[in-house]
C-alpha atoms as a PDB file:
ATOM      1  CA  CYS A   1    -184.987  79.648 174.107  1.00  0.00           C
ATOM      2  CA  VAL A   2    -187.155  82.633 173.643  1.00  0.00           C
ATOM      3  CA  LEU A   3    -190.693  82.054 173.299  1.00  0.00           C
ATOM      4  CA  ARG A   4    -193.410  84.456 172.682  1.00  0.00           C
ATOM      5  CA  VAL A   5    -196.915  82.775 173.849  1.00  0.00           C
ATOM      6  CA  THR A   6    -200.082  84.346 173.613  1.00  0.00           C
ATOM      7  CA  GLY A   7    -203.596  84.333 175.850  1.00  0.00           C
ATOM      8  CA  LYS A   8    -205.291  85.379 178.352  1.00  0.00           C
ATOM      9  CA  ILE A   9    -205.770  85.105 181.578  1.00  0.00           C
ATOM     10  CA  SER A  10    -208.664  83.431 183.372  1.00  0.00           C
ATOM     11  CA  TYR A  11    -209.407  84.550 187.271  1.00  0.00           C
ATOM     12  CA  LYS A  12    -212.306  82.366 186.994  1.00  0.00           C
ATOM     13  CA  ASP A  13    -210.346  79.938 190.028  1.00  0.00           C
ATOM     14  CA  VAL A  14    -208.524  80.853 193.518  1.00  0.00           C
ATOM     15  CA  GLU A  15    -205.329  81.280 191.575  1.00  0.00           C
ATOM     16  CA  PRO A  16    -204.955  83.204 187.917  1.00  0.00           C
ATOM     17  CA  LYS A  17    -204.232  80.896 185.001  1.00  0.00           C
ATOM     18  CA  VAL A  18    -202.848  82.149 182.475  1.00  0.00           C
ATOM     19  CA  LEU A  19    -204.806  80.112 179.032  1.00  0.00           C
ATOM     20  CA  VAL A  20    -202.494  79.600 175.766  1.00  0.00           C
ATOM     21  CA  ASN A  21    -203.478  80.098 172.506  1.00  0.00           C
ATOM     22  CA  GLU A  22    -200.807  80.175 170.735  1.00  0.00           C
ATOM     23  CA  ILE A  23    -196.385  79.304 171.402  1.00  0.00           C
ATOM     24  CA  LYS A  24    -193.597  80.235 169.201  1.00  0.00           C
ATOM     25  CA  ASP A  25    -190.332  79.877 169.282  1.00  0.00           C
ATOM     26  CA  LEU A  26    -188.983  83.360 168.036  1.00  0.00           C
ATOM     27  CA  PRO A  27    -185.733  83.348 166.487  1.00  0.00           C
ATOM     28  CA  ASN A  28    -182.042  84.190 168.584  1.00  0.00           C
ATOM     29  CA  ASP A  29    -180.375  86.014 164.996  1.00  0.00           C
ATOM     30  CA  GLU A  30    -179.058  89.409 164.682  1.00  0.00           C
ATOM     31  CA  LEU A  31    -183.541  89.830 162.648  1.00  0.00           C
ATOM     32  CA  TYR A  32    -184.500  89.606 166.351  1.00  0.00           C
ATOM     33  CA  LEU A  33    -181.730  91.633 168.328  1.00  0.00           C
ATOM     34  CA  MET A  34    -182.132  94.504 166.031  1.00  0.00           C
ATOM     35  CA  ALA A  35    -186.706  94.125 167.096  1.00  0.00           C
ATOM     36  CA  VAL A  36    -185.754  93.929 170.575  1.00  0.00           C
ATOM     37  CA  ASN A  37    -183.324  96.948 169.823  1.00  0.00           C
ATOM     38  CA  GLU A  38    -185.916  99.061 168.400  1.00  0.00           C
ATOM     39  CA  LEU A  39    -188.714  97.851 171.135  1.00  0.00           C
ATOM     40  CA  GLU A  40    -186.461  99.534 174.054  1.00  0.00           C
ATOM     41  CA  LYS A  41    -186.069 102.493 171.603  1.00  0.00           C
ATOM     42  CA  GLN A  42    -189.687 102.333 173.376  1.00  0.00           C
ATOM     43  CA  LYS A  43    -188.825 102.992 177.371  1.00  0.00           C
ATOM     44  CA  GLU A  44    -187.039 105.454 179.519  1.00  0.00           C
ATOM     45  CA  LEU A  45    -184.912 105.861 182.524  1.00  0.00           C
ATOM     46  CA  THR A  46    -186.511 109.278 184.875  1.00  0.00           C
ATOM     47  CA  ILE A  47    -183.619 110.299 187.428  1.00  0.00           C
ATOM     48  CA  HIS A  48    -185.798 112.217 190.218  1.00  0.00           C
ATOM     49  CA  LEU A  49    -182.991 114.760 192.028  1.00  0.00           C
ATOM     50  CA  PRO A  50    -183.751 116.733 195.431  1.00  0.00           C
ATOM     51  CA  ASP A  51    -181.219 119.182 193.233  1.00  0.00           C
ATOM     52  CA  ILE A  52    -177.611 118.847 191.750  1.00  0.00           C
ATOM     53  CA  LYS A  53    -175.657 119.967 193.647  1.00  0.00           C
ATOM     54  CA  ASN A  54    -173.807 116.740 194.715  1.00  0.00           C
ATOM     55  CA  GLN A  55    -170.753 116.272 191.305  1.00  0.00           C
ATOM     56  CA  GLU A  56    -170.226 113.265 193.554  1.00  0.00           C
ATOM     57  CA  THR A  57    -173.745 112.382 193.407  1.00  0.00           C
ATOM     58  CA  LEU A  58    -173.321 112.942 188.479  1.00  0.00           C
ATOM     59  CA  HIS A  59    -171.252 110.935 188.467  1.00  0.00           C
ATOM     60  CA  HIS A  60    -171.761 108.435 189.902  1.00  0.00           C
ATOM     61  CA  ILE A  61    -175.067 107.605 188.069  1.00  0.00           C
ATOM     62  CA  LYS A  62    -173.194 108.198 184.955  1.00  0.00           C
ATOM     63  CA  LYS A  63    -170.741 105.355 185.902  1.00  0.00           C
ATOM     64  CA  LEU A  64    -173.996 103.231 186.286  1.00  0.00           C
ATOM     65  CA  LEU A  65    -175.346 104.767 183.392  1.00  0.00           C
ATOM     66  CA  GLU A  66    -172.528 104.540 180.882  1.00  0.00           C
ATOM     67  CA  SER A  67    -172.048 100.087 182.831  1.00  0.00           C
ATOM     68  CA  ASN A  68    -174.938  99.495 181.513  1.00  0.00           C
ATOM     69  CA  PRO A  69    -175.979 100.598 177.821  1.00  0.00           C
ATOM     70  CA  GLY A  70    -179.293 100.227 175.294  1.00  0.00           C
ATOM     71  CA  ASN A  71    -181.236 102.747 173.618  1.00  0.00           C
ATOM     72  CA  ALA A  72    -183.032 103.729 176.028  1.00  0.00           C
ATOM     73  CA  PRO A  73    -183.134 107.359 176.884  1.00  0.00           C
ATOM     74  CA  VAL A  74    -182.266 108.293 180.319  1.00  0.00           C
ATOM     75  CA  PHE A  75    -183.775 112.345 181.945  1.00  0.00           C
ATOM     76  CA  LEU A  76    -182.911 113.360 185.410  1.00  0.00           C
ATOM     77  CA  GLN A  77    -185.869 115.411 187.064  1.00  0.00           C
ATOM     78  CA  VAL A  78    -184.143 118.294 189.059  1.00  0.00           C
ATOM     79  CA  GLY A  79    -186.599 119.477 192.091  1.00  0.00           C
ATOM     80  CA  SER A  80    -190.194 118.573 192.388  1.00  0.00           C
ATOM     81  CA  GLY A  81    -193.317 119.074 192.252  1.00  0.00           C
ATOM     82  CA  ALA A  82    -193.594 123.095 189.884  1.00  0.00           C
ATOM     83  CA  ASP A  83    -190.441 123.861 190.178  1.00  0.00           C
ATOM     84  CA  SER A  84    -189.223 120.557 188.304  1.00  0.00           C
ATOM     85  CA  ASN A  85    -186.849 120.418 185.684  1.00  0.00           C
ATOM     86  CA  VAL A  86    -186.647 117.722 182.986  1.00  0.00           C
ATOM     87  CA  ILE A  87    -183.797 117.162 181.448  1.00  0.00           C
ATOM     88  CA  LYS A  88    -182.915 114.682 179.188  1.00  0.00           C
ATOM     89  CA  THR A  89    -179.310 113.228 179.258  1.00  0.00           C
ATOM     90  CA  LYS A  90    -177.267 112.128 176.699  1.00  0.00           C
ATOM     91  CA  SER A  91    -176.871 108.904 178.355  1.00  0.00           C
ATOM     92  CA  SER A  92    -179.426 105.712 176.898  1.00  0.00           C
ATOM     93  CA  VAL A  93    -179.422 102.582 179.142  1.00  0.00           C
ATOM     94  CA  ARG A  94    -180.683  98.789 178.915  1.00  0.00           C
ATOM     95  CA  ILE A  95    -183.012  99.292 180.944  1.00  0.00           C
ATOM     96  CA  SER A  96    -182.743  96.335 184.017  1.00  0.00           C
ATOM     97  CA  ARG A  97    -183.341  95.311 188.033  1.00  0.00           C
ATOM     98  CA  GLU A  98    -179.626  95.569 189.188  1.00  0.00           C
ATOM     99  CA  LEU A  99    -179.747  98.435 188.010  1.00  0.00           C
ATOM    100  CA  ILE A 100    -182.759 100.692 188.996  1.00  0.00           C
ATOM    101  CA  GLN A 101    -181.764  99.013 191.982  1.00  0.00           C
ATOM    102  CA  GLN A 102    -178.203 100.540 192.245  1.00  0.00           C
ATOM    103  CA  LEU A 103    -179.726 103.623 191.285  1.00  0.00           C
ATOM    104  CA  ARG A 104    -181.971 103.156 194.398  1.00  0.00           C
ATOM    105  CA  ALA A 105    -178.906 103.011 196.682  1.00  0.00           C
ATOM    106  CA  LEU A 106    -178.129 106.561 196.371  1.00  0.00           C
ATOM    107  CA  PRO A 107    -179.049 108.234 199.040  1.00  0.00           C
ATOM    108  CA  GLU A 108    -179.731 111.374 197.044  1.00  0.00           C
ATOM    109  CA  VAL A 109    -181.787 110.194 194.599  1.00  0.00           C
ATOM    110  CA  SER A 110    -185.600 109.909 195.370  1.00  0.00           C
ATOM    111  CA  MET A 111    -187.625 107.631 192.720  1.00  0.00           C
ATOM    112  CA  ILE A 112    -186.832 106.231 189.754  1.00  0.00           C
ATOM    113  CA  TYR A 113    -189.500 105.644 186.946  1.00  0.00           C
ATOM    114  CA  ASP A 114    -189.094 103.445 184.131  1.00  0.00           C
ATOM    115  CA  ARG A 115    -192.182 102.934 181.305  1.00  0.00           C
ATOM    116  CA  MET A 116    -192.111 100.168 178.813  1.00  0.00           C
ATOM    117  CA  ASP A 117    -194.124 100.118 177.088  1.00  0.00           C
ATOM    118  CA  PHE A 118    -194.283  95.999 175.918  1.00  0.00           C
END
């Protein structure tokens, strides 16, 4: 079951509470999946590398990206500071905690940013 919940968070008590104004069932059909895919396009993943000399690392990153197909574009930021370059890859992924953990496990990957606008 997929729900859309609207409301606000109350901080009056010791623990925050969610005050729900509306709960609505969302359809789990083709139109819904199309909408989710469109929202996914508003995300992006940036992988930071000190350099792109290690072909084995690049191949491993490519395999991870290929095993997580989706609509979020992927960028490589190579170098650091003013000397860094951002490269848009041909890959689009479904951003997940598992993918980010797998990428962070690579010793050559210095940082990962995922931007999600929803």
